[in-house]
Amino acid sequence: MPAPLIPKVARETLSPGGNVAGTELAAKIRPVLERVCASGDFSPEATRKALAGYDARVFRPDESITGVAFVITVPRACVVGELRPGNVRISVEGTTKSARCE
């Protein structure tokens, strides 16, 4: 499996409430992101459109790679992930020490 598009950063321990909020959001957005992935459109714009209404940051960290990464801020948690051909990754993580999702 290829290396993640989002680099690892130091994060706080995920709270139970943050875990619940993040897991619920991940379950809600997964089918939408799977449709984007299946369409073959790996542009940041297509993913932004799919995640409209969420506090999402969508980016392509490396122009040489087909795929996009995203970070969504939820209360006390970060939902991070990526779309690449044939693969949607989503994880729920704690915020950084500054209470941000990066």
N, C-alpha and C. Protein backbone atom coordinates (compact mmCIF):
# COMPACT_ATOMS: atom_id res chain seq x y z
N MET A 1 0.85 -1.17 0.00
CA MET A 1 0.00 0.00 0.00
C MET A 1 0.90 1.24 0.00
N PRO A 2 0.56 2.27 -0.80
CA PRO A 2 1.40 3.45 -0.86
C PRO A 2 1.39 4.24 0.46
N ALA A 3 2.43 5.03 0.64
CA ALA A 3 2.51 5.87 1.84
C ALA A 3 1.35 6.86 1.85
N PRO A 4 0.85 7.19 3.04
CA PRO A 4 -0.26 8.16 3.13
C PRO A 4 0.14 9.53 2.57
N LEU A 5 -0.83 10.22 2.00
CA LEU A 5 -0.60 11.56 1.47
C LEU A 5 -0.50 12.60 2.57
N ILE A 6 -1.07 12.32 3.72
CA ILE A 6 -1.03 13.27 4.83
C ILE A 6 0.06 12.82 5.79
N PRO A 7 1.06 13.67 6.00
CA PRO A 7 2.14 13.27 6.91
C PRO A 7 1.65 13.16 8.35
N LYS A 8 2.29 12.30 9.09
CA LYS A 8 1.95 12.13 10.51
C LYS A 8 2.40 13.38 11.27
N VAL A 9 1.56 13.86 12.16
CA VAL A 9 1.89 14.97 13.05
C VAL A 9 1.54 14.54 14.47
N ALA A 10 2.17 15.20 15.44
CA ALA A 10 1.88 14.89 16.84
C ALA A 10 0.44 15.31 17.14
N ARG A 11 -0.32 14.40 17.72
CA ARG A 11 -1.73 14.66 18.02
C ARG A 11 -2.03 14.32 19.47
N GLU A 12 -3.04 15.00 19.99
CA GLU A 12 -3.53 14.71 21.33
C GLU A 12 -4.30 13.39 21.31
N THR A 13 -4.50 12.81 22.48
CA THR A 13 -5.29 11.60 22.59
C THR A 13 -6.73 11.92 22.17
N LEU A 14 -7.29 11.04 21.41
CA LEU A 14 -8.67 11.22 20.93
C LEU A 14 -9.63 10.97 22.08
N SER A 15 -10.49 11.94 22.36
CA SER A 15 -11.47 11.80 23.43
C SER A 15 -12.60 10.86 22.98
N PRO A 16 -13.33 10.26 23.93
CA PRO A 16 -14.46 9.42 23.54
C PRO A 16 -15.48 10.18 22.70
N GLY A 17 -15.78 11.42 23.09
CA GLY A 17 -16.75 12.22 22.33
C GLY A 17 -16.25 12.54 20.93
N GLY A 18 -14.96 12.86 20.83
CA GLY A 18 -14.36 13.13 19.53
C GLY A 18 -14.37 11.89 18.65
N ASN A 19 -14.12 10.74 19.26
CA ASN A 19 -14.14 9.49 18.52
C ASN A 19 -15.53 9.21 17.95
N VAL A 20 -16.55 9.43 18.76
CA VAL A 20 -17.93 9.21 18.30
C VAL A 20 -18.27 10.16 17.16
N ALA A 21 -17.97 11.46 17.35
CA ALA A 21 -18.29 12.45 16.32
C ALA A 21 -17.54 12.15 15.03
N GLY A 22 -16.25 11.83 15.14
CA GLY A 22 -15.46 11.53 13.96
C GLY A 22 -15.90 10.26 13.25
N THR A 23 -16.20 9.23 14.02
CA THR A 23 -16.64 7.96 13.43
C THR A 23 -17.97 8.12 12.71
N GLU A 24 -18.88 8.89 13.30
CA GLU A 24 -20.18 9.13 12.65
C GLU A 24 -19.99 9.88 11.34
N LEU A 25 -19.13 10.89 11.34
CA LEU A 25 -18.89 11.65 10.11
C LEU A 25 -18.21 10.77 9.07
N ALA A 26 -17.24 9.98 9.48
CA ALA A 26 -16.56 9.09 8.54
C ALA A 26 -17.55 8.14 7.86
N ALA A 27 -18.47 7.60 8.63
CA ALA A 27 -19.47 6.69 8.06
C ALA A 27 -20.39 7.44 7.08
N LYS A 28 -20.68 8.69 7.37
CA LYS A 28 -21.57 9.48 6.51
C LYS A 28 -20.89 9.85 5.19
N ILE A 29 -19.61 10.20 5.23
CA ILE A 29 -18.95 10.66 4.00
C ILE A 29 -18.36 9.54 3.16
N ARG A 30 -18.15 8.37 3.74
CA ARG A 30 -17.52 7.29 2.98
C ARG A 30 -18.26 6.96 1.68
N PRO A 31 -19.59 6.77 1.67
CA PRO A 31 -20.25 6.43 0.41
C PRO A 31 -20.10 7.53 -0.65
N VAL A 32 -20.13 8.79 -0.22
CA VAL A 32 -19.98 9.90 -1.15
C VAL A 32 -18.58 9.89 -1.75
N LEU A 33 -17.57 9.68 -0.90
CA LEU A 33 -16.19 9.65 -1.39
C LEU A 33 -15.91 8.43 -2.25
N GLU A 34 -16.55 7.32 -1.95
CA GLU A 34 -16.39 6.12 -2.79
C GLU A 34 -16.95 6.37 -4.19
N ARG A 35 -18.04 7.14 -4.28
CA ARG A 35 -18.59 7.47 -5.61
C ARG A 35 -17.62 8.37 -6.38
N VAL A 36 -17.02 9.34 -5.68
CA VAL A 36 -16.03 10.21 -6.34
C VAL A 36 -14.86 9.35 -6.83
N CYS A 37 -14.38 8.48 -5.99
CA CYS A 37 -13.26 7.60 -6.35
C CYS A 37 -13.62 6.74 -7.56
N ALA A 38 -14.80 6.17 -7.56
CA ALA A 38 -15.24 5.32 -8.66
C ALA A 38 -15.38 6.11 -9.97
N SER A 39 -15.66 7.41 -9.86
CA SER A 39 -15.82 8.23 -11.07
C SER A 39 -14.48 8.47 -11.76
N GLY A 40 -13.37 8.30 -11.01
CA GLY A 40 -12.05 8.52 -11.58
C GLY A 40 -11.63 9.98 -11.59
N ASP A 41 -12.44 10.86 -11.00
CA ASP A 41 -12.10 12.28 -10.94
C ASP A 41 -11.37 12.56 -9.63
N PHE A 42 -10.06 12.64 -9.69
CA PHE A 42 -9.26 12.85 -8.50
C PHE A 42 -8.80 14.30 -8.37
N SER A 43 -9.62 15.19 -8.88
CA SER A 43 -9.31 16.61 -8.75
C SER A 43 -9.72 17.08 -7.35
N PRO A 44 -9.00 18.03 -6.80
CA PRO A 44 -9.42 18.59 -5.51
C PRO A 44 -10.84 19.16 -5.58
N GLU A 45 -11.21 19.73 -6.72
CA GLU A 45 -12.54 20.32 -6.86
C GLU A 45 -13.65 19.29 -6.70
N ALA A 46 -13.48 18.11 -7.27
CA ALA A 46 -14.51 17.06 -7.15
C ALA A 46 -14.68 16.63 -5.70
N THR A 47 -13.57 16.52 -4.98
CA THR A 47 -13.65 16.12 -3.57
C THR A 47 -14.23 17.25 -2.73
N ARG A 48 -13.84 18.50 -3.01
CA ARG A 48 -14.44 19.64 -2.29
C ARG A 48 -15.96 19.66 -2.47
N LYS A 49 -16.39 19.43 -3.68
CA LYS A 49 -17.84 19.42 -3.97
C LYS A 49 -18.52 18.30 -3.17
N ALA A 50 -17.90 17.14 -3.12
CA ALA A 50 -18.48 16.01 -2.38
C ALA A 50 -18.55 16.29 -0.88
N LEU A 51 -17.60 17.09 -0.38
CA LEU A 51 -17.54 17.38 1.05
C LEU A 51 -18.12 18.76 1.39
N ALA A 52 -18.86 19.34 0.45
CA ALA A 52 -19.47 20.65 0.70
C ALA A 52 -20.35 20.57 1.95
N GLY A 53 -20.29 21.59 2.76
CA GLY A 53 -21.08 21.62 3.98
C GLY A 53 -20.31 21.18 5.21
N TYR A 54 -19.11 20.67 5.00
CA TYR A 54 -18.25 20.27 6.11
C TYR A 54 -17.06 21.22 6.17
N ASP A 55 -16.45 21.33 7.32
CA ASP A 55 -15.26 22.17 7.48
C ASP A 55 -14.07 21.37 6.93
N ALA A 56 -14.01 21.25 5.60
CA ALA A 56 -13.02 20.39 4.96
C ALA A 56 -11.94 21.20 4.26
N ARG A 57 -10.72 20.72 4.39
CA ARG A 57 -9.60 21.25 3.61
C ARG A 57 -9.17 20.10 2.69
N VAL A 58 -9.22 20.36 1.39
CA VAL A 58 -8.89 19.35 0.39
C VAL A 58 -7.66 19.83 -0.38
N PHE A 59 -6.71 18.95 -0.58
CA PHE A 59 -5.48 19.36 -1.24
C PHE A 59 -4.80 18.17 -1.91
N ARG A 60 -3.89 18.50 -2.80
CA ARG A 60 -3.05 17.50 -3.45
C ARG A 60 -1.62 17.80 -3.02
N PRO A 61 -1.09 17.04 -2.08
CA PRO A 61 0.24 17.36 -1.55
C PRO A 61 1.39 17.10 -2.51
N ASP A 62 1.16 16.28 -3.50
CA ASP A 62 2.21 15.96 -4.46
C ASP A 62 1.58 15.86 -5.84
N GLU A 63 1.91 16.81 -6.70
CA GLU A 63 1.30 16.85 -8.04
C GLU A 63 1.63 15.63 -8.88
N SER A 64 2.65 14.87 -8.51
CA SER A 64 3.02 13.70 -9.31
C SER A 64 2.19 12.46 -8.96
N ILE A 65 1.35 12.56 -7.93
CA ILE A 65 0.53 11.43 -7.48
C ILE A 65 -0.92 11.67 -7.85
N THR A 66 -1.57 10.66 -8.39
CA THR A 66 -3.00 10.75 -8.67
C THR A 66 -3.74 10.51 -7.37
N GLY A 67 -4.35 11.54 -6.85
CA GLY A 67 -5.09 11.42 -5.61
C GLY A 67 -5.14 12.74 -4.88
N VAL A 68 -6.05 12.81 -3.92
CA VAL A 68 -6.20 14.00 -3.09
C VAL A 68 -6.32 13.58 -1.64
N ALA A 69 -5.98 14.52 -0.76
CA ALA A 69 -6.11 14.29 0.68
C ALA A 69 -7.12 15.29 1.23
N PHE A 70 -7.68 14.97 2.39
CA PHE A 70 -8.62 15.90 3.02
C PHE A 70 -8.48 15.82 4.54
N VAL A 71 -8.84 16.91 5.18
CA VAL A 71 -8.88 17.01 6.63
C VAL A 71 -10.18 17.73 6.98
N ILE A 72 -10.97 17.13 7.87
CA ILE A 72 -12.22 17.74 8.31
C ILE A 72 -12.15 17.91 9.82
N THR A 73 -12.47 19.10 10.28
CA THR A 73 -12.48 19.38 11.71
C THR A 73 -13.87 19.11 12.27
N VAL A 74 -13.92 18.30 13.31
CA VAL A 74 -15.15 18.08 14.07
C VAL A 74 -14.83 18.39 15.53
N PRO A 75 -15.82 18.56 16.38
CA PRO A 75 -15.50 18.86 17.78
C PRO A 75 -14.58 17.81 18.40
N ARG A 76 -13.42 18.25 18.83
CA ARG A 76 -12.43 17.43 19.55
C ARG A 76 -11.83 16.30 18.72
N ALA A 77 -11.91 16.40 17.39
CA ALA A 77 -11.35 15.34 16.55
C ALA A 77 -11.10 15.84 15.13
N CYS A 78 -10.30 15.08 14.43
CA CYS A 78 -10.01 15.34 13.02
C CYS A 78 -10.34 14.08 12.23
N VAL A 79 -11.03 14.27 11.12
CA VAL A 79 -11.28 13.17 10.19
C VAL A 79 -10.35 13.44 9.02
N VAL A 80 -9.40 12.54 8.81
CA VAL A 80 -8.41 12.72 7.75
C VAL A 80 -8.49 11.55 6.78
N GLY A 81 -8.12 11.82 5.55
CA GLY A 81 -8.16 10.73 4.59
C GLY A 81 -7.65 11.12 3.24
N GLU A 82 -7.82 10.20 2.32
CA GLU A 82 -7.34 10.41 0.96
C GLU A 82 -8.14 9.55 -0.01
N LEU A 83 -8.14 10.00 -1.24
CA LEU A 83 -8.73 9.26 -2.35
C LEU A 83 -7.62 9.03 -3.36
N ARG A 84 -7.44 7.77 -3.75
CA ARG A 84 -6.51 7.38 -4.81
C ARG A 84 -7.24 6.35 -5.66
N PRO A 85 -6.77 6.10 -6.84
CA PRO A 85 -7.45 5.12 -7.68
C PRO A 85 -7.69 3.80 -6.92
N GLY A 86 -8.95 3.43 -6.81
CA GLY A 86 -9.34 2.19 -6.17
C GLY A 86 -9.26 2.17 -4.66
N ASN A 87 -9.04 3.32 -4.01
CA ASN A 87 -8.85 3.30 -2.56
C ASN A 87 -9.32 4.60 -1.91
N VAL A 88 -10.17 4.46 -0.90
CA VAL A 88 -10.57 5.58 -0.06
C VAL A 88 -10.11 5.24 1.35
N ARG A 89 -9.26 6.09 1.93
CA ARG A 89 -8.81 5.91 3.31
C ARG A 89 -9.42 7.02 4.16
N ILE A 90 -9.97 6.65 5.31
CA ILE A 90 -10.50 7.63 6.26
C ILE A 90 -10.10 7.17 7.65
N SER A 91 -9.59 8.12 8.46
CA SER A 91 -9.29 7.79 9.85
C SER A 91 -9.73 8.95 10.74
N VAL A 92 -9.97 8.62 11.98
CA VAL A 92 -10.36 9.60 12.99
C VAL A 92 -9.20 9.73 13.96
N GLU A 93 -8.72 10.96 14.14
CA GLU A 93 -7.56 11.21 14.96
C GLU A 93 -7.81 12.39 15.89
N GLY A 94 -6.98 12.53 16.89
CA GLY A 94 -7.06 13.66 17.79
C GLY A 94 -6.53 14.91 17.13
N THR A 95 -6.80 16.05 17.75
CA THR A 95 -6.30 17.32 17.24
C THR A 95 -4.84 17.49 17.62
N THR A 96 -4.20 18.49 17.06
CA THR A 96 -2.83 18.81 17.45
C THR A 96 -2.87 19.52 18.81
N LYS A 97 -1.73 19.78 19.38
CA LYS A 97 -1.67 20.44 20.69
C LYS A 97 -2.33 21.81 20.66
N SER A 98 -2.39 22.44 19.47
CA SER A 98 -3.04 23.74 19.34
C SER A 98 -4.53 23.59 19.04
N ALA A 99 -5.08 22.37 19.23
CA ALA A 99 -6.50 22.05 19.01
C ALA A 99 -6.91 22.25 17.55
N ARG A 100 -6.00 21.99 16.62
CA ARG A 100 -6.27 22.14 15.20
C ARG A 100 -6.19 20.80 14.50
N CYS A 101 -6.76 20.79 13.32
CA CYS A 101 -6.64 19.64 12.44
C CYS A 101 -5.75 20.06 11.28
N GLU A 102 -4.62 19.40 11.15
CA GLU A 102 -3.66 19.73 10.09
C GLU A 102 -3.34 18.50 9.30
